[in-house]
Amino acid sequence: YDTMLMLAGRGAGKTYTASNWIGQRAALFNGTRWLVTAPTSNDIRATCFEGDSGLLNIIPPSLIANYNKSLFEIHLKNGSLIQGIPGSEPERYRGKQFHGAWFDELAAFDYLDDAWDQAQFTLRLRDPRIERVQQIVTTTPKPRELIVDLNEGKVGGDVYVVNASSYDNKANLSKSFFKALEAYEGTDLGKQEIYGAILDPEDAGIIKRRWFKLWPAKMPSPKLEYVIASYDPATSEKTVNDPTACTVWGIFEQQDVGTCVILLDAWDAHLSYPELRRKVIDDFKEVVYGADNTFGKGRKADLILMEDKSAGISLIQELQGAGVPVRGYNPGKADKVQRVNIVAPLIAKGKVYVPADSDKPGEVAPWAKRFMRQVCSFPESGGHDDYVDACTQALRYLRDAGFLNIDPAPYDDREDYADAYGPRNRVNPYAA
């Protein structure tokens, strides 16, 4: 195996297990280098190195040549090095190389994807004396995408999964601790924190997967009346952890249901400003949606919708100069949760379709799975919510523009679209 993933409850012995795993290898194989990474610098020092089950209490003192507390380095007398790098500073992985690594409480990393990716590039040293396992991940799980992917073996190479509960280490823990745990038995929090189970984030999401309608894979695509491409651009060039997300939606008429919308495309990618500008223009000029290879049936995007903040402001101006029909979206004072709640009734009423998988009945098309997971798990999953923004602003626009209606809008929302209207003079209708 390439990766050992230990999903365990509080007090199950995760730190003790990993300290022994990496400490033994550093001691047995002289001249090797090992990475220890945790959410913060304090976690590395207080838990992984100096904690009760940390490396300094696991490795015999006679084997330790030096402990550099400020640099988070443990030097062994056999020439091996164990170095700590916090996941809160992903750029610090650059220039380093190791024989193996320990990721402690990976689910709690703030910059989870970026830290994981950068750390993987450091695991490039090989030694014929060392077996295949390169890294151990110990964590009380949270339903974050990387943790789910590791558990399913989608990343990390060949993954060996170990599950442990707090009760597995009962002989070494306080009796009062287990008395307190009784209050959490049978709860979702207990399943996660005691038994190390990965909860399904969609169970607690605002939008439910069952609300989306599936468009049968064998059915021809509907005749599109209007197409909107909605972009959530990364905040800036420096925001390397945030991808740009795009969702494309088509309006069509469905018998007995009325006007509906179908997801035509969904993608996310780390794009620089010039790359994103070029892709938006190229897609607008070249991509035809819903064509089914039938002449005259497909439709290009009628509107590009983009949030007018940070990088989006400059991009909107440049796209308008290039002749692209782009409109700026301003969410105003509504936070992400409020935006989801505004459009959720449209989905709940069966107005929103997603293409089905042609090989797996009852499932969405493969390219839409990442979109569905993110939207249906918000806000419980944490991590990226770029698809959520791209989805809500599109559906909000279609609702406000009168394409999708389940009830009359209670107020005039036109100022949410920054570039379409000039200043408006508000008049008190009750004034004398």
Protein backbone atom coordinates (compact mmCIF):
# COMPACT_ATOMS: atom_id res chain seq x y z
CA TYR A 1 0.00 0.00 0.00
CA ASP A 2 1.03 3.61 -0.62
CA THR A 3 -1.12 5.16 2.10
CA MET A 4 -2.43 4.02 5.46
CA LEU A 5 -5.58 5.94 6.41
CA MET A 6 -6.59 5.67 10.06
CA LEU A 7 -10.12 6.98 10.68
CA ALA A 8 -10.62 6.92 14.42
CA GLY A 9 -12.53 8.50 17.28
CA ARG A 10 -11.17 10.71 20.03
CA GLY A 11 -8.62 8.97 22.21
CA ALA A 12 -8.46 5.87 19.99
CA GLY A 13 -4.68 6.02 19.76
CA LYS A 14 -4.09 7.78 16.45
CA THR A 15 -1.09 9.80 17.63
CA TYR A 16 0.46 6.81 19.40
CA THR A 17 0.09 4.67 16.28
CA ALA A 18 1.59 7.23 13.91
CA SER A 19 4.44 8.18 16.27
CA ASN A 20 5.47 4.54 16.45
CA TRP A 21 5.12 4.11 12.68
CA ILE A 22 7.31 7.04 11.72
CA GLY A 23 9.64 6.84 14.73
CA GLN A 24 10.53 3.21 14.08
CA ARG A 25 11.29 3.86 10.44
CA ALA A 26 13.49 6.84 11.19
CA ALA A 27 15.38 4.77 13.78
CA LEU A 28 15.70 1.59 11.70
CA PHE A 29 16.76 3.20 8.43
CA ASN A 30 19.70 5.49 8.99
CA GLY A 31 20.06 8.64 6.92
CA THR A 32 16.37 8.87 6.01
CA ARG A 33 14.08 11.92 6.11
CA TRP A 34 10.48 12.05 7.32
CA LEU A 35 7.74 14.67 7.22
CA VAL A 36 5.29 15.35 10.03
CA THR A 37 2.48 17.73 9.14
CA ALA A 38 -0.53 18.88 11.15
CA PRO A 39 -3.05 21.74 10.92
CA THR A 40 -0.84 24.32 12.73
CA SER A 41 2.67 24.75 14.10
CA ASN A 42 1.31 24.41 17.62
CA ASP A 43 -0.29 21.06 16.72
CA ILE A 44 3.06 19.76 15.51
CA ARG A 45 4.86 20.85 18.67
CA ALA A 46 2.21 20.15 21.33
CA THR A 47 0.79 16.92 19.88
CA CYS A 48 3.06 15.26 17.32
CA PHE A 49 6.41 16.06 18.93
CA GLU A 50 5.97 16.88 22.62
CA GLY A 51 2.57 15.33 23.40
CA ASP A 52 2.05 12.35 25.68
CA SER A 53 2.04 10.08 22.62
CA GLY A 54 4.33 12.34 20.57
CA LEU A 55 7.62 11.38 18.99
CA LEU A 56 9.81 12.64 21.83
CA ASN A 57 7.98 10.32 24.23
CA ILE A 58 8.01 7.36 21.82
CA ILE A 59 11.57 7.43 20.47
CA PRO A 60 14.08 6.38 23.14
CA PRO A 61 16.14 9.42 24.28
CA SER A 62 19.32 7.46 23.61
CA LEU A 63 18.56 7.58 19.89
CA ILE A 64 17.95 11.34 19.70
CA ALA A 65 20.92 13.57 18.85
CA ASN A 66 19.10 16.92 18.88
CA TYR A 67 15.63 18.46 19.00
CA ASN A 68 15.41 21.91 17.40
CA LYS A 69 12.21 23.29 18.84
CA SER A 70 12.10 26.43 16.71
CA LEU A 71 12.66 24.60 13.41
CA PHE A 72 10.50 21.57 14.33
CA GLU A 73 13.34 19.16 13.65
CA ILE A 74 14.26 15.94 15.45
CA HIS A 75 17.74 14.69 14.51
CA LEU A 76 18.57 11.09 15.32
CA LYS A 77 22.10 9.80 15.99
CA ASN A 78 21.86 7.56 12.92
CA GLY A 79 21.56 10.59 10.65
CA SER A 80 17.78 10.43 10.14
CA LEU A 81 15.71 13.60 10.28
CA ILE A 82 12.06 14.10 11.24
CA GLN A 83 10.83 17.53 10.21
CA GLY A 84 7.53 19.24 10.98
CA ILE A 85 5.79 21.55 8.49
CA PRO A 86 2.35 23.00 9.30
CA GLY A 87 -0.49 22.56 6.83
CA SER A 88 -1.41 26.21 7.42
CA GLU A 89 1.63 27.20 5.31
CA PRO A 90 1.47 25.03 2.16
CA GLU A 91 4.27 26.93 0.40
CA ARG A 92 6.75 25.71 3.01
CA TYR A 93 6.61 22.20 1.52
CA ARG A 94 8.44 23.49 -1.54
CA GLY A 95 12.09 22.51 -1.83
CA LYS A 96 11.72 19.62 0.64
CA GLN A 97 11.96 15.89 -0.04
CA PHE A 98 11.23 12.94 2.21
CA HIS A 99 11.00 9.16 2.34
CA GLY A 100 7.59 9.23 4.01
CA ALA A 101 5.09 11.39 5.88
CA TRP A 102 2.60 11.53 8.72
CA PHE A 103 -0.50 13.68 8.24
CA ASP A 104 -2.13 14.28 11.63
CA GLU A 105 -5.79 15.37 11.79
CA LEU A 106 -5.88 15.93 8.04
CA ALA A 107 -9.63 16.67 8.11
CA ALA A 108 -8.93 19.78 10.22
CA PHE A 109 -6.54 21.41 7.71
CA ASP A 110 -7.70 24.87 6.64
CA TYR A 111 -5.92 24.64 3.28
CA LEU A 112 -6.65 20.96 2.86
CA ASP A 113 -6.31 20.43 -0.89
CA ASP A 114 -3.33 22.72 -1.34
CA ALA A 115 -1.45 21.27 1.63
CA TRP A 116 -2.11 17.70 0.48
CA ASP A 117 -1.03 18.41 -3.09
CA GLN A 118 2.16 20.23 -2.13
CA ALA A 119 3.12 17.56 0.40
CA GLN A 120 2.70 14.80 -2.20
CA PHE A 121 5.43 16.39 -4.31
CA THR A 122 7.88 16.04 -1.40
CA LEU A 123 7.51 12.24 -1.12
CA ARG A 124 10.02 11.47 -3.82
CA LEU A 125 12.92 9.81 -1.96
CA ARG A 126 13.23 6.05 -2.30
CA ASP A 127 15.22 3.56 -0.26
CA PRO A 128 15.28 -0.20 -1.04
CA ARG A 129 15.19 -0.95 2.70
CA ILE A 130 11.77 0.69 3.11
CA GLU A 131 8.53 -1.08 2.21
CA ARG A 132 5.99 0.46 -0.10
CA VAL A 133 3.94 2.43 2.44
CA GLN A 134 4.92 6.07 2.04
CA GLN A 135 2.50 7.92 4.28
CA ILE A 136 0.14 7.52 7.20
CA VAL A 137 -2.92 9.71 7.66
CA THR A 138 -4.50 9.82 11.11
CA THR A 139 -7.68 11.80 11.60
CA THR A 140 -11.05 11.97 13.22
CA PRO A 141 -12.95 12.26 9.95
CA LYS A 142 -15.05 15.09 8.64
CA PRO A 143 -17.04 14.74 5.41
CA ARG A 144 -14.59 16.80 3.39
CA GLU A 145 -14.03 15.84 -0.22
CA LEU A 146 -10.40 14.76 0.11
CA ILE A 147 -11.18 12.57 3.13
CA VAL A 148 -14.02 10.91 1.24
CA ASP A 149 -11.78 10.39 -1.80
CA LEU A 150 -9.02 8.86 0.34
CA ASN A 151 -11.50 6.52 1.99
CA GLU A 152 -12.74 5.43 -1.44
CA GLY A 153 -9.19 5.00 -2.79
CA LYS A 154 -9.58 7.72 -5.42
CA VAL A 155 -6.39 9.50 -4.29
CA GLY A 156 -3.31 8.41 -2.38
CA GLY A 157 -2.50 5.42 -4.58
CA ASP A 158 -3.34 2.09 -2.95
CA VAL A 159 -4.97 3.02 0.35
CA TYR A 160 -5.28 0.74 3.38
CA VAL A 161 -8.08 1.96 5.65
CA VAL A 162 -8.11 1.30 9.40
CA ASN A 163 -11.14 2.16 11.55
CA ALA A 164 -10.99 2.52 15.32
CA SER A 165 -13.32 3.88 17.97
CA SER A 166 -12.68 5.56 21.30
CA TYR A 167 -13.72 2.30 22.98
CA ASP A 168 -10.85 0.40 21.37
CA ASN A 169 -8.49 2.22 23.73
CA LYS A 170 -10.76 2.12 26.78
CA ALA A 171 -8.17 0.44 29.02
CA ASN A 172 -5.90 3.49 28.76
CA LEU A 173 -8.44 6.28 29.17
CA SER A 174 -10.37 7.81 32.05
CA LYS A 175 -13.63 6.17 33.12
CA SER A 176 -15.25 9.61 33.39
CA PHE A 177 -14.43 10.23 29.73
CA PHE A 178 -16.54 7.26 28.66
CA LYS A 179 -19.28 8.31 31.05
CA ALA A 180 -19.42 11.64 29.25
CA LEU A 181 -19.54 9.89 25.87
CA GLU A 182 -22.90 8.31 26.75
CA ALA A 183 -24.60 11.62 25.93
CA TYR A 184 -23.40 11.39 22.32
CA GLU A 185 -24.35 7.79 21.61
CA GLY A 186 -26.76 7.54 18.70
CA THR A 187 -26.03 11.08 17.47
CA ASP A 188 -24.24 12.12 14.27
CA LEU A 189 -21.58 13.85 16.35
CA GLY A 190 -21.04 10.62 18.26
CA LYS A 191 -20.71 8.58 15.08
CA GLN A 192 -18.01 10.95 13.87
CA GLU A 193 -16.11 11.79 17.05
CA ILE A 194 -16.39 8.44 18.87
CA TYR A 195 -16.51 5.85 16.10
CA GLY A 196 -14.57 7.71 13.39
CA ALA A 197 -17.35 7.36 10.82
CA ILE A 198 -17.51 9.66 7.82
CA LEU A 199 -20.94 11.25 7.86
CA ASP A 200 -22.85 11.88 4.66
CA PRO A 201 -22.71 15.69 4.38
CA GLU A 202 -25.74 15.70 2.11
CA ASP A 203 -27.93 14.60 5.00
CA ALA A 204 -27.51 18.04 6.57
CA GLY A 205 -27.27 20.14 3.39
CA ILE A 206 -29.85 22.82 2.63
CA ILE A 207 -30.50 21.47 -0.87
CA LYS A 208 -31.40 17.79 -1.08
CA ARG A 209 -30.21 15.56 -3.91
CA ARG A 210 -33.69 14.08 -4.34
CA TRP A 211 -35.03 17.54 -5.26
CA PHE A 212 -33.14 17.55 -8.56
CA LYS A 213 -34.92 15.95 -11.51
CA LEU A 214 -32.93 13.55 -13.68
CA TRP A 215 -33.06 14.03 -17.44
CA PRO A 216 -32.91 10.49 -18.92
CA ALA A 217 -29.70 9.81 -20.80
CA LYS A 218 -31.55 8.18 -23.72
CA MET A 219 -33.97 11.07 -24.13
CA PRO A 220 -32.99 13.79 -26.63
CA SER A 221 -31.96 17.05 -25.02
CA PRO A 222 -34.78 19.60 -24.75
CA LYS A 223 -35.18 22.52 -27.09
CA LEU A 224 -33.42 25.38 -25.35
CA GLU A 225 -35.02 28.82 -25.24
CA TYR A 226 -32.20 30.57 -23.39
CA VAL A 227 -28.69 29.64 -22.15
CA ILE A 228 -26.78 31.28 -19.31
CA ALA A 229 -23.18 30.57 -18.29
CA SER A 230 -22.51 31.48 -14.67
CA TYR A 231 -18.94 31.99 -13.43
CA ASP A 232 -17.51 32.24 -9.94
CA PRO A 233 -13.96 33.44 -10.62
CA ALA A 234 -11.17 32.90 -8.10
CA THR A 235 -10.75 35.91 -5.85
CA SER A 236 -7.30 36.86 -7.13
CA GLU A 237 -4.09 35.53 -8.63
CA LYS A 238 -2.80 34.90 -5.10
CA THR A 239 -5.75 32.70 -4.15
CA VAL A 240 -4.11 29.50 -5.32
CA ASN A 241 -6.41 27.38 -3.20
CA ASP A 242 -9.60 28.55 -4.92
CA PRO A 243 -10.55 27.34 -8.39
CA THR A 244 -12.80 29.15 -10.82
CA ALA A 245 -16.13 27.38 -11.21
CA CYS A 246 -18.59 27.54 -14.08
CA THR A 247 -22.11 26.18 -14.47
CA VAL A 248 -24.10 26.44 -17.70
CA TRP A 249 -27.90 26.32 -17.65
CA GLY A 250 -30.52 26.00 -20.35
CA ILE A 251 -34.14 27.17 -20.13
CA PHE A 252 -36.80 24.97 -21.75
CA GLU A 253 -40.51 24.24 -21.57
CA GLN A 254 -41.58 20.95 -20.00
CA GLN A 255 -45.08 19.61 -20.45
CA ASP A 256 -47.21 19.76 -17.28
CA VAL A 257 -44.39 21.49 -15.42
CA GLY A 258 -43.89 24.73 -17.29
CA THR A 259 -40.58 26.53 -17.64
CA CYS A 260 -37.63 24.52 -16.32
CA VAL A 261 -33.85 24.69 -16.34
CA ILE A 262 -31.29 21.97 -17.06
CA LEU A 263 -27.60 21.83 -16.16
CA LEU A 264 -25.65 21.70 -19.42
CA ASP A 265 -22.08 21.87 -18.15
CA ALA A 266 -20.13 22.20 -14.90
CA TRP A 267 -16.39 22.53 -14.47
CA ASP A 268 -13.86 24.00 -12.08
CA ALA A 269 -10.18 24.69 -12.68
CA HIS A 270 -7.27 26.69 -11.34
CA LEU A 271 -6.90 29.33 -14.04
CA SER A 272 -4.82 32.48 -14.12
CA TYR A 273 -6.57 35.70 -15.11
CA PRO A 274 -5.41 35.58 -18.77
CA GLU A 275 -6.36 31.89 -19.05
CA LEU A 276 -9.83 32.51 -17.66
CA ARG A 277 -10.41 35.50 -19.94
CA ARG A 278 -9.40 33.45 -22.99
CA LYS A 279 -11.55 30.46 -21.98
CA VAL A 280 -14.66 32.57 -21.39
CA ILE A 281 -14.32 34.21 -24.81
CA ASP A 282 -13.51 30.94 -26.61
CA ASP A 283 -16.41 29.06 -24.98
CA PHE A 284 -18.82 31.86 -25.85
CA LYS A 285 -17.77 31.87 -29.49
CA GLU A 286 -17.39 28.14 -30.10
CA VAL A 287 -19.50 26.01 -27.73
CA VAL A 288 -23.02 25.02 -28.73
CA TYR A 289 -25.23 23.46 -26.04
CA GLY A 290 -28.01 20.94 -26.45
CA ALA A 291 -27.28 20.27 -30.11
CA ASP A 292 -27.53 16.45 -30.11
CA ASN A 293 -25.72 16.69 -33.45
CA THR A 294 -28.93 18.06 -34.95
CA PHE A 295 -28.48 21.08 -37.19
CA GLY A 296 -30.19 24.17 -35.84
CA LYS A 297 -31.19 22.64 -32.53
CA GLY A 298 -28.29 23.74 -30.33
CA ARG A 299 -27.78 27.15 -28.82
CA LYS A 300 -24.82 29.23 -27.76
CA ALA A 301 -24.77 31.06 -24.42
CA ASP A 302 -27.08 34.07 -24.48
CA LEU A 303 -25.61 35.59 -21.33
CA ILE A 304 -22.45 35.36 -19.23
CA LEU A 305 -23.10 36.03 -15.55
CA MET A 306 -20.21 36.84 -13.25
CA GLU A 307 -19.98 38.10 -9.69
CA ASP A 308 -18.64 41.66 -9.80
CA LYS A 309 -16.02 41.45 -7.07
CA SER A 310 -12.23 41.32 -7.03
CA ALA A 311 -10.97 39.71 -10.26
CA GLY A 312 -14.52 39.59 -11.61
CA ILE A 313 -14.75 43.38 -11.88
CA SER A 314 -11.81 43.68 -14.27
CA LEU A 315 -12.87 40.60 -16.17
CA ILE A 316 -16.37 41.95 -16.76
CA GLN A 317 -14.93 45.14 -18.23
CA GLU A 318 -12.57 43.30 -20.55
CA LEU A 319 -15.25 40.86 -21.71
CA GLN A 320 -17.63 43.70 -22.49
CA GLY A 321 -14.88 45.28 -24.56
CA ALA A 322 -14.50 42.00 -26.43
CA GLY A 323 -18.19 41.97 -27.35
CA VAL A 324 -19.23 39.24 -24.90
CA PRO A 325 -22.73 39.68 -23.40
CA VAL A 326 -21.64 39.67 -19.76
CA ARG A 327 -23.56 40.91 -16.77
CA GLY A 328 -22.24 41.58 -13.29
CA TYR A 329 -23.97 40.00 -10.33
CA ASN A 330 -23.89 41.63 -6.91
CA PRO A 331 -25.21 39.45 -4.06
CA GLY A 332 -25.60 42.51 -1.86
CA LYS A 333 -25.85 41.76 1.83
CA ALA A 334 -26.96 38.16 1.34
CA ASP A 335 -24.39 35.65 2.59
CA LYS A 336 -23.85 32.27 0.96
CA VAL A 337 -26.43 30.49 3.12
CA GLN A 338 -29.07 33.12 2.34
CA ARG A 339 -28.35 32.84 -1.38
CA VAL A 340 -28.86 29.08 -1.25
CA ASN A 341 -32.12 29.48 0.66
CA ILE A 342 -33.40 31.97 -1.92
CA VAL A 343 -33.08 29.50 -4.84
CA ALA A 344 -33.71 26.24 -2.95
CA PRO A 345 -37.52 26.40 -3.53
CA LEU A 346 -36.93 26.32 -7.30
CA ILE A 347 -35.10 23.02 -6.95
CA ALA A 348 -37.57 21.65 -4.42
CA LYS A 349 -40.44 22.35 -6.84
CA GLY A 350 -38.85 20.19 -9.54
CA LYS A 351 -37.81 23.06 -11.78
CA VAL A 352 -34.15 22.02 -12.06
CA TYR A 353 -32.89 19.03 -14.10
CA VAL A 354 -29.49 17.33 -14.19
CA PRO A 355 -28.50 14.84 -16.95
CA ALA A 356 -28.51 11.19 -15.87
CA ASP A 357 -25.66 8.70 -16.20
CA SER A 358 -26.11 6.53 -19.29
CA ASP A 359 -24.53 3.51 -17.58
CA LYS A 360 -25.88 3.81 -14.03
CA PRO A 361 -29.63 4.35 -13.76
CA GLY A 362 -30.65 6.77 -11.04
CA GLU A 363 -27.28 8.57 -10.93
CA VAL A 364 -26.22 11.87 -12.45
CA ALA A 365 -23.77 12.05 -15.35
CA PRO A 366 -20.12 11.64 -14.23
CA TRP A 367 -19.18 15.22 -15.09
CA ALA A 368 -21.97 16.53 -12.80
CA LYS A 369 -21.12 14.45 -9.72
CA ARG A 370 -18.65 16.91 -8.23
CA PHE A 371 -21.19 19.72 -8.69
CA MET A 372 -23.94 17.69 -7.02
CA ARG A 373 -21.78 16.68 -4.08
CA GLN A 374 -20.72 20.24 -3.38
CA VAL A 375 -24.14 21.84 -3.77
CA CYS A 376 -26.04 19.18 -1.82
CA SER A 377 -23.57 19.13 1.08
CA PHE A 378 -23.40 22.90 1.59
CA PRO A 379 -22.79 24.27 4.19
CA GLU A 380 -21.81 21.17 6.18
CA SER A 381 -18.88 19.86 4.16
CA GLY A 382 -16.61 22.88 4.46
CA GLY A 383 -13.88 23.47 1.90
CA HIS A 384 -14.71 24.81 -1.55
CA ASP A 385 -18.14 26.22 -2.34
CA ASP A 386 -17.38 27.63 -5.79
CA TYR A 387 -20.06 25.55 -7.52
CA VAL A 388 -22.55 26.78 -4.92
CA ASP A 389 -21.89 30.40 -5.88
CA ALA A 390 -22.00 29.69 -9.62
CA CYS A 391 -25.28 27.81 -9.20
CA THR A 392 -27.10 30.22 -6.90
CA GLN A 393 -26.31 33.34 -8.89
CA ALA A 394 -27.56 31.69 -12.11
CA LEU A 395 -30.81 30.46 -10.58
CA ARG A 396 -31.28 33.78 -8.79
CA TYR A 397 -30.93 35.64 -12.07
CA LEU A 398 -33.34 33.32 -13.89
CA ARG A 399 -35.85 33.77 -11.07
CA ASP A 400 -35.52 37.56 -11.00
CA ALA A 401 -35.69 37.82 -14.79
CA GLY A 402 -39.01 35.96 -14.78
CA PHE A 403 -37.84 32.74 -16.43
CA LEU A 404 -38.44 30.62 -13.33
CA ASN A 405 -41.34 31.39 -11.04
CA ILE A 406 -43.05 29.52 -8.25
CA ASP A 407 -44.43 32.63 -6.57
CA PRO A 408 -44.29 36.38 -7.17
CA ALA A 409 -41.10 38.17 -6.16
CA PRO A 410 -41.82 40.24 -3.04
CA TYR A 411 -39.54 43.09 -4.04
CA ASP A 412 -37.59 44.58 -6.94
CA ASP A 413 -34.13 42.95 -7.12
CA ARG A 414 -32.80 44.78 -10.15
CA GLU A 415 -29.99 46.52 -8.29
CA ASP A 416 -28.34 43.15 -7.74
CA TYR A 417 -27.16 43.33 -11.35
CA ALA A 418 -24.60 46.07 -11.22
CA ASP A 419 -24.19 46.98 -14.88
CA ALA A 420 -27.74 46.89 -16.20
CA TYR A 421 -29.41 49.90 -14.65
CA GLY A 422 -28.38 53.41 -13.79
CA PRO A 423 -29.06 55.15 -10.48
CA ARG A 424 -32.67 54.92 -9.40
CA ASN A 425 -34.62 57.57 -7.53
CA ARG A 426 -36.66 55.94 -4.82
CA VAL A 427 -40.03 57.52 -4.10
CA ASN A 428 -42.07 57.09 -0.97
CA PRO A 429 -45.48 55.97 -2.26
CA TYR A 430 -47.10 57.10 0.95
CA ALA A 431 -45.79 60.68 0.83
CA ALA A 432 -48.32 63.48 0.50
